């Protein structure tokens, strides 16, 4: 049984763990305003607003949200964004005024995303709307509509009364503590762990797979914590990418700037850093940065804790150093970083998978590189360090010649493949160029990968 608020009303639903919120809304509740477009979390037509006990409204892709993930939360669809008496939300009025809708298929998703942004006081609308695609209106009228609502009060009906759910119980597969999770997973090591479901749900919606035994991590609040001390940051594995960006922006600005290109707002609101690591993707954006920083994984099996450097976690494509019944509890990140730069290269700036991701941590003392950790994604079957390149740089003078010489070592560190995303030669050249970019960016030369300039 899943219990949640739907447009302000309590709903009790008998569902399967693999049922998606989108299908429930359309097929069971007949709320057809929420659309199915890509069915993989890219187009935003299925966007709804989810509010949990933190009170923050989060726009979410309902097509890849599994029903147990919304247990104890509030869901608001486009049908609930206008008032009970039919009064329009400010963003709805503004969309009408500015002619922000043509065919209308994408409009409910835009309304939901902008209503959440309005409630949260967000004004970076290009970022907020990166996960909502429109092929006929264009974004000008939509962004203008959002700007016109700045400062307008949030309608009272948009406030969720989660007190209505205070006495609900949680299903057995939604443990409420790390200890309960560890016990449950030890007894069911064949189970699939789900935090954000942004990857696993594609197996359901695209590959039509069925998962009979799923353990949901959303009830373990300690898995979502970020504890910052003088020397270390401990990041809970179920911390979302959105939460990570907020918490780490002042300590690792280059890392968090790169994470702003991780999917779109809807994905970042659901996807977790632990899931990003555990999936073991060679093009995942979180792992190269954490490898470069020198992060340590805290792994747990029942009551046993194992500490493992993150670069040792990845063994081969699809193979990680994780025993049956063992899971990532947290990531320990050292704060003693002199220079950290993270670069993502992809065909699109927003909402795209990396062709190459390069992350660099250096310490420079008296114009000499004394420490260096370099990690790349997209260059091998796993995210991997560039040991030969590091060795070439350590002990060398900080100069363009040093970095140009070191680029030749990258071809000895990696033998990338050619695929639909990029050729092997392209990947090698990009990886080498990122090393040169690192030098220039730390030599007071402005580098903007989106800026086009003419050369004399």
Foldseek 3Di string as FASTA:
>chain_A
DAWEAELQHIDDDDDAQLDFQQCCCCPPVVPPQQDDDPLQQAAQSRWKWKAAPVQQTATARRSQHTRLLRRLIHIYFLVSQADPVRHHWQLVVQCVVLVVDDPSSQVRRLVRLLLSCQVVQHLPVCQSCNRHDDDPRDCVSNNVSSVVCRPPDRDPSVGHDSVVVPPDDHDLLEDQAPLSLLVVQLVVLVEAEDFLSSPVSCCCRPVVDDGRHYRYDNNHVLLQDWDDDPWKIKGRQNHFLVNVLVVCCVLCVQLSVLSSQVAGRNRSVRHGNQVLLVQQALQRSNLQQQLQQFKWWWKDHNHDTDIGTSQQQRDFQRHGPADRSMGTGIIMGTRPFDDKHKDFDFPDSHRGTGCKIKIKTFDADPQATAFIWIWMGNFHSGTHTLVQLRVQRHGDGLDLVSLLVSLVSLVVRGQGDADPGGHRVVRSVVNSVVSSVSSCVVVPHDDDPPDDDDDD
